[in-house]
Amino acid sequence: MSVAEYQAKRAAFIVEDRALRRDHARSANRSTAELKADEVIRQIRAIEASSIWDGEHENIQHPFPGMEFLTGMEIVSV
């Protein structure tokens, strides 16, 4: 399988998976305020990902968003 075939199958699988989610039908009808809120949250998460989760941390080998609070507490409380 070529890389292009893999990427096409992956993209199709993602579309299929998203269609099965319970919020899929509602996502096409979001209001302007909902779209703006989604944009703001995505920007915050992107900034957080680069400023907090990409850094080196002494006691945590692989930090990631959503990790257990007690494990990531020293990162979050900085």
PDB file of N, CA and C in Angstrom:
ATOM      1  N   MET A   1       0.847  -1.174   0.000  1.00  0.00           N
ATOM      2  CA  MET A   1       0.000   0.000   0.000  1.00  0.00           C
ATOM      3  C   MET A   1       0.895   1.239   0.000  1.00  0.00           C
ATOM      4  N   SER A   2       0.581   2.176  -0.860  1.00  0.00           N
ATOM      5  CA  SER A   2       1.369   3.405  -0.943  1.00  0.00           C
ATOM      6  C   SER A   2       0.932   4.377   0.153  1.00  0.00           C
ATOM      7  N   VAL A   3       1.733   5.392   0.343  1.00  0.00           N
ATOM      8  CA  VAL A   3       1.419   6.420   1.337  1.00  0.00           C
ATOM      9  C   VAL A   3       0.118   7.127   0.972  1.00  0.00           C
ATOM     10  N   ALA A   4      -0.086   7.415  -0.296  1.00  0.00           N
ATOM     11  CA  ALA A   4      -1.311   8.093  -0.738  1.00  0.00           C
ATOM     12  C   ALA A   4      -2.539   7.227  -0.458  1.00  0.00           C
ATOM     13  N   GLU A   5      -2.433   5.919  -0.716  1.00  0.00           N
ATOM     14  CA  GLU A   5      -3.550   5.015  -0.428  1.00  0.00           C
ATOM     15  C   GLU A   5      -3.835   4.972   1.066  1.00  0.00           C
ATOM     16  N   TYR A   6      -2.782   4.892   1.853  1.00  0.00           N
ATOM     17  CA  TYR A   6      -2.935   4.884   3.312  1.00  0.00           C
ATOM     18  C   TYR A   6      -3.636   6.153   3.788  1.00  0.00           C
ATOM     19  N   GLN A   7      -3.188   7.311   3.304  1.00  0.00           N
ATOM     20  CA  GLN A   7      -3.780   8.577   3.732  1.00  0.00           C
ATOM     21  C   GLN A   7      -5.249   8.677   3.316  1.00  0.00           C
ATOM     22  N   ALA A   8      -5.583   8.179   2.129  1.00  0.00           N
ATOM     23  CA  ALA A   8      -6.975   8.193   1.671  1.00  0.00           C
ATOM     24  C   ALA A   8      -7.841   7.294   2.548  1.00  0.00           C
ATOM     25  N   LYS A   9      -7.341   6.100   2.873  1.00  0.00           N
ATOM     26  CA  LYS A   9      -8.095   5.186   3.734  1.00  0.00           C
ATOM     27  C   LYS A   9      -8.228   5.755   5.143  1.00  0.00           C
ATOM     28  N   ARG A  10      -7.180   6.385   5.616  1.00  0.00           N
ATOM     29  CA  ARG A  10      -7.213   6.995   6.950  1.00  0.00           C
ATOM     30  C   ARG A  10      -8.240   8.123   6.991  1.00  0.00           C
ATOM     31  N   ALA A  11      -8.236   8.975   5.986  1.00  0.00           N
ATOM     32  CA  ALA A  11      -9.188  10.087   5.930  1.00  0.00           C
ATOM     33  C   ALA A  11     -10.625   9.561   5.875  1.00  0.00           C
ATOM     34  N   ALA A  12     -10.862   8.511   5.093  1.00  0.00           N
ATOM     35  CA  ALA A  12     -12.198   7.924   5.001  1.00  0.00           C
ATOM     36  C   ALA A  12     -12.617   7.327   6.342  1.00  0.00           C
ATOM     37  N   PHE A  13     -11.703   6.688   7.021  1.00  0.00           N
ATOM     38  CA  PHE A  13     -11.996   6.101   8.331  1.00  0.00           C
ATOM     39  C   PHE A  13     -12.341   7.190   9.342  1.00  0.00           C
ATOM     40  N   ILE A  14     -11.622   8.291   9.323  1.00  0.00           N
ATOM     41  CA  ILE A  14     -11.897   9.400  10.244  1.00  0.00           C
ATOM     42  C   ILE A  14     -13.285   9.973   9.984  1.00  0.00           C
ATOM     43  N   VAL A  15     -13.640  10.175   8.720  1.00  0.00           N
ATOM     44  CA  VAL A  15     -14.973  10.684   8.374  1.00  0.00           C
ATOM     45  C   VAL A  15     -16.048   9.717   8.872  1.00  0.00           C
ATOM     46  N   GLU A  16     -15.834   8.436   8.635  1.00  0.00           N
ATOM     47  CA  GLU A  16     -16.795   7.414   9.072  1.00  0.00           C
ATOM     48  C   GLU A  16     -16.932   7.408  10.595  1.00  0.00           C
ATOM     49  N   ASP A  17     -15.813   7.498  11.295  1.00  0.00           N
ATOM     50  CA  ASP A  17     -15.823   7.502  12.756  1.00  0.00           C
ATOM     51  C   ASP A  17     -16.559   8.727  13.295  1.00  0.00           C
ATOM     52  N   ARG A  18     -16.295   9.875  12.736  1.00  0.00           N
ATOM     53  CA  ARG A  18     -16.953  11.102  13.192  1.00  0.00           C
ATOM     54  C   ARG A  18     -18.456  11.051  12.941  1.00  0.00           C
ATOM     55  N   ALA A  19     -18.876  10.404  11.861  1.00  0.00           N
ATOM     56  CA  ALA A  19     -20.303  10.295  11.552  1.00  0.00           C
ATOM     57  C   ALA A  19     -21.041   9.459  12.594  1.00  0.00           C
ATOM     58  N   LEU A  20     -20.336   8.593  13.310  1.00  0.00           N
ATOM     59  CA  LEU A  20     -20.953   7.748  14.327  1.00  0.00           C
ATOM     60  C   LEU A  20     -21.094   8.460  15.679  1.00  0.00           C
ATOM     61  N   ARG A  21     -20.463   9.583  15.831  1.00  0.00           N
ATOM     62  CA  ARG A  21     -20.511  10.297  17.111  1.00  0.00           C
ATOM     63  C   ARG A  21     -21.883  10.926  17.303  1.00  0.00           C
ATOM     64  N   ARG A  22     -22.333  10.963  18.543  1.00  0.00           N
ATOM     65  CA  ARG A  22     -23.686  11.445  18.815  1.00  0.00           C
ATOM     66  C   ARG A  22     -23.880  12.926  18.537  1.00  0.00           C
ATOM     67  N   ASP A  23     -22.812  13.702  18.551  1.00  0.00           N
ATOM     68  CA  ASP A  23     -22.945  15.136  18.289  1.00  0.00           C
ATOM     69  C   ASP A  23     -22.755  15.494  16.813  1.00  0.00           C
ATOM     70  N   HIS A  24     -22.598  14.510  15.964  1.00  0.00           N
ATOM     71  CA  HIS A  24     -22.319  14.752  14.546  1.00  0.00           C
ATOM     72  C   HIS A  24     -23.454  15.514  13.847  1.00  0.00           C
ATOM     73  N   ALA A  25     -24.692  15.103  14.061  1.00  0.00           N
ATOM     74  CA  ALA A  25     -25.815  15.755  13.388  1.00  0.00           C
ATOM     75  C   ALA A  25     -25.955  17.203  13.833  1.00  0.00           C
ATOM     76  N   ARG A  26     -25.668  17.482  15.071  1.00  0.00           N
ATOM     77  CA  ARG A  26     -25.796  18.842  15.614  1.00  0.00           C
ATOM     78  C   ARG A  26     -24.663  19.740  15.134  1.00  0.00           C
ATOM     79  N   SER A  27     -23.500  19.205  14.853  1.00  0.00           N
ATOM     80  CA  SER A  27     -22.331  20.028  14.525  1.00  0.00           C
ATOM     81  C   SER A  27     -22.514  20.839  13.246  1.00  0.00           C
ATOM     82  N   ALA A  28     -23.355  20.383  12.341  1.00  0.00           N
ATOM     83  CA  ALA A  28     -23.579  21.113  11.089  1.00  0.00           C
ATOM     84  C   ALA A  28     -24.472  22.332  11.289  1.00  0.00           C
ATOM     85  N   ASN A  29     -25.179  22.382  12.407  1.00  0.00           N
ATOM     86  CA  ASN A  29     -26.138  23.457  12.662  1.00  0.00           C
ATOM     87  C   ASN A  29     -25.711  24.372  13.806  1.00  0.00           C
ATOM     88  N   ARG A  30     -24.426  24.507  14.036  1.00  0.00           N
ATOM     89  CA  ARG A  30     -23.966  25.332  15.157  1.00  0.00           C
ATOM     90  C   ARG A  30     -24.161  26.815  14.856  1.00  0.00           C
ATOM     91  N   SER A  31     -24.453  27.551  15.925  1.00  0.00           N
ATOM     92  CA  SER A  31     -24.658  28.993  15.790  1.00  0.00           C
ATOM     93  C   SER A  31     -23.312  29.702  15.645  1.00  0.00           C
ATOM     94  N   THR A  32     -23.356  30.972  15.317  1.00  0.00           N
ATOM     95  CA  THR A  32     -22.141  31.781  15.196  1.00  0.00           C
ATOM     96  C   THR A  32     -21.401  31.822  16.529  1.00  0.00           C
ATOM     97  N   ALA A  33     -22.149  31.961  17.616  1.00  0.00           N
ATOM     98  CA  ALA A  33     -21.530  31.997  18.955  1.00  0.00           C
ATOM     99  C   ALA A  33     -20.836  30.673  19.271  1.00  0.00           C
ATOM    100  N   GLU A  34     -21.457  29.553  18.894  1.00  0.00           N
ATOM    101  CA  GLU A  34     -20.848  28.243  19.136  1.00  0.00           C
ATOM    102  C   GLU A  34     -19.575  28.069  18.308  1.00  0.00           C
ATOM    103  N   LEU A  35     -19.597  28.517  17.078  1.00  0.00           N
ATOM    104  CA  LEU A  35     -18.411  28.426  16.233  1.00  0.00           C
ATOM    105  C   LEU A  35     -17.270  29.276  16.792  1.00  0.00           C
ATOM    106  N   LYS A  36     -17.598  30.480  17.265  1.00  0.00           N
ATOM    107  CA  LYS A  36     -16.588  31.369  17.850  1.00  0.00           C
ATOM    108  C   LYS A  36     -16.018  30.755  19.126  1.00  0.00           C
ATOM    109  N   ALA A  37     -16.886  30.191  19.975  1.00  0.00           N
ATOM    110  CA  ALA A  37     -16.433  29.541  21.208  1.00  0.00           C
ATOM    111  C   ALA A  37     -15.499  28.371  20.891  1.00  0.00           C
ATOM    112  N   ASP A  38     -15.846  27.592  19.881  1.00  0.00           N
ATOM    113  CA  ASP A  38     -15.005  26.471  19.476  1.00  0.00           C
ATOM    114  C   ASP A  38     -13.639  26.964  19.018  1.00  0.00           C
ATOM    115  N   GLU A  39     -13.623  28.041  18.255  1.00  0.00           N
ATOM    116  CA  GLU A  39     -12.364  28.622  17.781  1.00  0.00           C
ATOM    117  C   GLU A  39     -11.498  29.091  18.953  1.00  0.00           C
ATOM    118  N   VAL A  40     -12.105  29.754  19.924  1.00  0.00           N
ATOM    119  CA  VAL A  40     -11.361  30.251  21.088  1.00  0.00           C
ATOM    120  C   VAL A  40     -10.767  29.092  21.883  1.00  0.00           C
ATOM    121  N   ILE A  41     -11.566  28.056  22.123  1.00  0.00           N
ATOM    122  CA  ILE A  41     -11.092  26.890  22.874  1.00  0.00           C
ATOM    123  C   ILE A  41      -9.943  26.203  22.141  1.00  0.00           C
ATOM    124  N   ARG A  42     -10.046  26.080  20.834  1.00  0.00           N
ATOM    125  CA  ARG A  42      -8.965  25.451  20.065  1.00  0.00           C
ATOM    126  C   ARG A  42      -7.674  26.273  20.137  1.00  0.00           C
ATOM    127  N   GLN A  43      -7.801  27.597  20.124  1.00  0.00           N
ATOM    128  CA  GLN A  43      -6.623  28.462  20.252  1.00  0.00           C
ATOM    129  C   GLN A  43      -5.982  28.302  21.628  1.00  0.00           C
ATOM    130  N   ILE A  44      -6.803  28.260  22.667  1.00  0.00           N
ATOM    131  CA  ILE A  44      -6.286  28.075  24.025  1.00  0.00           C
ATOM    132  C   ILE A  44      -5.559  26.740  24.134  1.00  0.00           C
ATOM    133  N   ARG A  45      -6.152  25.689  23.607  1.00  0.00           N
ATOM    134  CA  ARG A  45      -5.532  24.362  23.665  1.00  0.00           C
ATOM    135  C   ARG A  45      -4.221  24.319  22.892  1.00  0.00           C
ATOM    136  N   ALA A  46      -4.147  25.011  21.772  1.00  0.00           N
ATOM    137  CA  ALA A  46      -2.908  25.041  20.984  1.00  0.00           C
ATOM    138  C   ALA A  46      -1.799  25.751  21.752  1.00  0.00           C
ATOM    139  N   ILE A  47      -2.144  26.874  22.387  1.00  0.00           N
ATOM    140  CA  ILE A  47      -1.155  27.605  23.189  1.00  0.00           C
ATOM    141  C   ILE A  47      -0.701  26.751  24.366  1.00  0.00           C
ATOM    142  N   GLU A  48      -1.657  26.107  25.037  1.00  0.00           N
ATOM    143  CA  GLU A  48      -1.338  25.240  26.167  1.00  0.00           C
ATOM    144  C   GLU A  48      -0.441  24.073  25.726  1.00  0.00           C
ATOM    145  N   ALA A  49      -0.744  23.505  24.574  1.00  0.00           N
ATOM    146  CA  ALA A  49       0.038  22.367  24.084  1.00  0.00           C
ATOM    147  C   ALA A  49       1.494  22.750  23.868  1.00  0.00           C
ATOM    148  N   SER A  50       1.733  23.941  23.325  1.00  0.00           N
ATOM    149  CA  SER A  50       3.112  24.338  23.057  1.00  0.00           C
ATOM    150  C   SER A  50       3.813  24.903  24.288  1.00  0.00           C
ATOM    151  N   SER A  51       3.075  25.540  25.193  1.00  0.00           N
ATOM    152  CA  SER A  51       3.724  26.179  26.338  1.00  0.00           C
ATOM    153  C   SER A  51       3.862  25.266  27.547  1.00  0.00           C
ATOM    154  N   ILE A  52       3.002  24.284  27.678  1.00  0.00           N
ATOM    155  CA  ILE A  52       3.037  23.423  28.863  1.00  0.00           C
ATOM    156  C   ILE A  52       3.448  21.997  28.517  1.00  0.00           C
ATOM    157  N   TRP A  53       2.750  21.398  27.571  1.00  0.00           N
ATOM    158  CA  TRP A  53       2.921  19.964  27.343  1.00  0.00           C
ATOM    159  C   TRP A  53       4.126  19.613  26.483  1.00  0.00           C
ATOM    160  N   ASP A  54       4.675  20.549  25.713  1.00  0.00           N
ATOM    161  CA  ASP A  54       5.842  20.251  24.888  1.00  0.00           C
ATOM    162  C   ASP A  54       7.160  20.393  25.638  1.00  0.00           C
ATOM    163  N   GLY A  55       7.146  20.975  26.814  1.00  0.00           N
ATOM    164  CA  GLY A  55       8.377  21.234  27.551  1.00  0.00           C
ATOM    165  C   GLY A  55       8.930  20.002  28.240  1.00  0.00           C
ATOM    166  N   GLU A  56      10.140  20.142  28.717  1.00  0.00           N
ATOM    167  CA  GLU A  56      10.794  19.086  29.483  1.00  0.00           C
ATOM    168  C   GLU A  56      10.423  19.252  30.951  1.00  0.00           C
ATOM    169  N   HIS A  57      10.054  18.161  31.601  1.00  0.00           N
ATOM    170  CA  HIS A  57       9.683  18.189  33.011  1.00  0.00           C
ATOM    171  C   HIS A  57      10.478  17.121  33.737  1.00  0.00           C
ATOM    172  N   GLU A  58      11.059  17.513  34.844  1.00  0.00           N
ATOM    173  CA  GLU A  58      12.020  16.660  35.552  1.00  0.00           C
ATOM    174  C   GLU A  58      11.457  15.294  35.937  1.00  0.00           C
ATOM    175  N   ASN A  59      10.288  15.239  36.539  1.00  0.00           N
ATOM    176  CA  ASN A  59       9.769  13.982  37.067  1.00  0.00           C
ATOM    177  C   ASN A  59       8.727  13.310  36.169  1.00  0.00           C
ATOM    178  N   ILE A  60       8.431  13.907  35.028  1.00  0.00           N
ATOM    179  CA  ILE A  60       7.410  13.349  34.151  1.00  0.00           C
ATOM    180  C   ILE A  60       8.012  13.164  32.761  1.00  0.00           C
ATOM    181  N   GLN A  61       8.092  11.917  32.326  1.00  0.00           N
ATOM    182  CA  GLN A  61       8.751  11.630  31.059  1.00  0.00           C
ATOM    183  C   GLN A  61       7.943  12.057  29.851  1.00  0.00           C
ATOM    184  N   HIS A  62       6.647  11.801  29.831  1.00  0.00           N
ATOM    185  CA  HIS A  62       5.819  12.070  28.660  1.00  0.00           C
ATOM    186  C   HIS A  62       4.527  12.787  29.070  1.00  0.00           C
ATOM    187  N   PRO A  63       4.622  14.084  29.351  1.00  0.00           N
ATOM    188  CA  PRO A  63       3.407  14.802  29.750  1.00  0.00           C
ATOM    189  C   PRO A  63       2.442  14.959  28.569  1.00  0.00           C
ATOM    190  N   PHE A  64       1.155  14.930  28.853  1.00  0.00           N
ATOM    191  CA  PHE A  64       0.144  15.108  27.804  1.00  0.00           C
ATOM    192  C   PHE A  64      -1.129  15.669  28.423  1.00  0.00           C
ATOM    193  N   PRO A  65      -1.900  16.417  27.653  1.00  0.00           N
ATOM    194  CA  PRO A  65      -3.170  16.921  28.154  1.00  0.00           C
ATOM    195  C   PRO A  65      -4.087  15.748  28.497  1.00  0.00           C
ATOM    196  N   GLY A  66      -4.753  15.838  29.609  1.00  0.00           N
ATOM    197  CA  GLY A  66      -5.663  14.775  30.012  1.00  0.00           C
ATOM    198  C   GLY A  66      -5.017  13.726  30.896  1.00  0.00           C
ATOM    199  N   MET A  67      -3.731  13.908  31.221  1.00  0.00           N
ATOM    200  CA  MET A  67      -3.105  12.930  32.098  1.00  0.00           C
ATOM    201  C   MET A  67      -3.696  13.047  33.501  1.00  0.00           C
ATOM    202  N   GLU A  68      -3.478  12.051  34.323  1.00  0.00           N
ATOM    203  CA  GLU A  68      -4.024  12.049  35.680  1.00  0.00           C
ATOM    204  C   GLU A  68      -3.570  13.293  36.427  1.00  0.00           C
ATOM    205  N   PHE A  69      -4.481  13.893  37.175  1.00  0.00           N
ATOM    206  CA  PHE A  69      -4.192  15.130  37.866  1.00  0.00           C
ATOM    207  C   PHE A  69      -3.012  14.999  38.814  1.00  0.00           C
ATOM    208  N   LEU A  70      -2.997  13.954  39.615  1.00  0.00           N
ATOM    209  CA  LEU A  70      -1.922  13.800  40.613  1.00  0.00           C
ATOM    210  C   LEU A  70      -0.556  13.648  39.936  1.00  0.00           C
ATOM    211  N   THR A  71      -0.534  13.019  38.779  1.00  0.00           N
ATOM    212  CA  THR A  71       0.724  12.873  38.047  1.00  0.00           C
ATOM    213  C   THR A  71       1.172  14.212  37.455  1.00  0.00           C
ATOM    214  N   GLY A  72       0.259  14.974  36.911  1.00  0.00           N
ATOM    215  CA  GLY A  72       0.595  16.233  36.241  1.00  0.00           C
ATOM    216  C   GLY A  72       0.449  17.465  37.118  1.00  0.00           C
ATOM    217  N   MET A  73       0.165  17.288  38.399  1.00  0.00           N
ATOM    218  CA  MET A  73      -0.119  18.422  39.269  1.00  0.00           C
ATOM    219  C   MET A  73       1.004  19.449  39.300  1.00  0.00           C
ATOM    220  N   GLU A  74       2.237  18.997  39.323  1.00  0.00           N
ATOM    221  CA  GLU A  74       3.351  19.973  39.375  1.00  0.00           C
ATOM    222  C   GLU A  74       3.475  20.778  38.083  1.00  0.00           C
ATOM    223  N   ILE A  75       3.044  20.228  36.955  1.00  0.00           N
ATOM    224  CA  ILE A  75       3.062  20.959  35.690  1.00  0.00           C
ATOM    225  C   ILE A  75       1.969  22.020  35.684  1.00  0.00           C
ATOM    226  N   VAL A  76       0.775  21.630  36.086  1.00  0.00           N
ATOM    227  CA  VAL A  76      -0.387  22.499  36.029  1.00  0.00           C
ATOM    228  C   VAL A  76      -0.298  23.627  37.060  1.00  0.00           C
ATOM    229  N   SER A  77       0.293  23.363  38.198  1.00  0.00           N
ATOM    230  CA  SER A  77       0.319  24.359  39.270  1.00  0.00           C
ATOM    231  C   SER A  77       1.483  25.331  39.165  1.00  0.00           C
ATOM    232  N   VAL A  78       2.273  25.240  38.111  1.00  0.00           N
ATOM    233  CA  VAL A  78       3.417  26.137  37.949  1.00  0.00           C
ATOM    234  C   VAL A  78       2.968  27.518  37.582  1.00  0.00           C
TER     235      VAL A  78
END
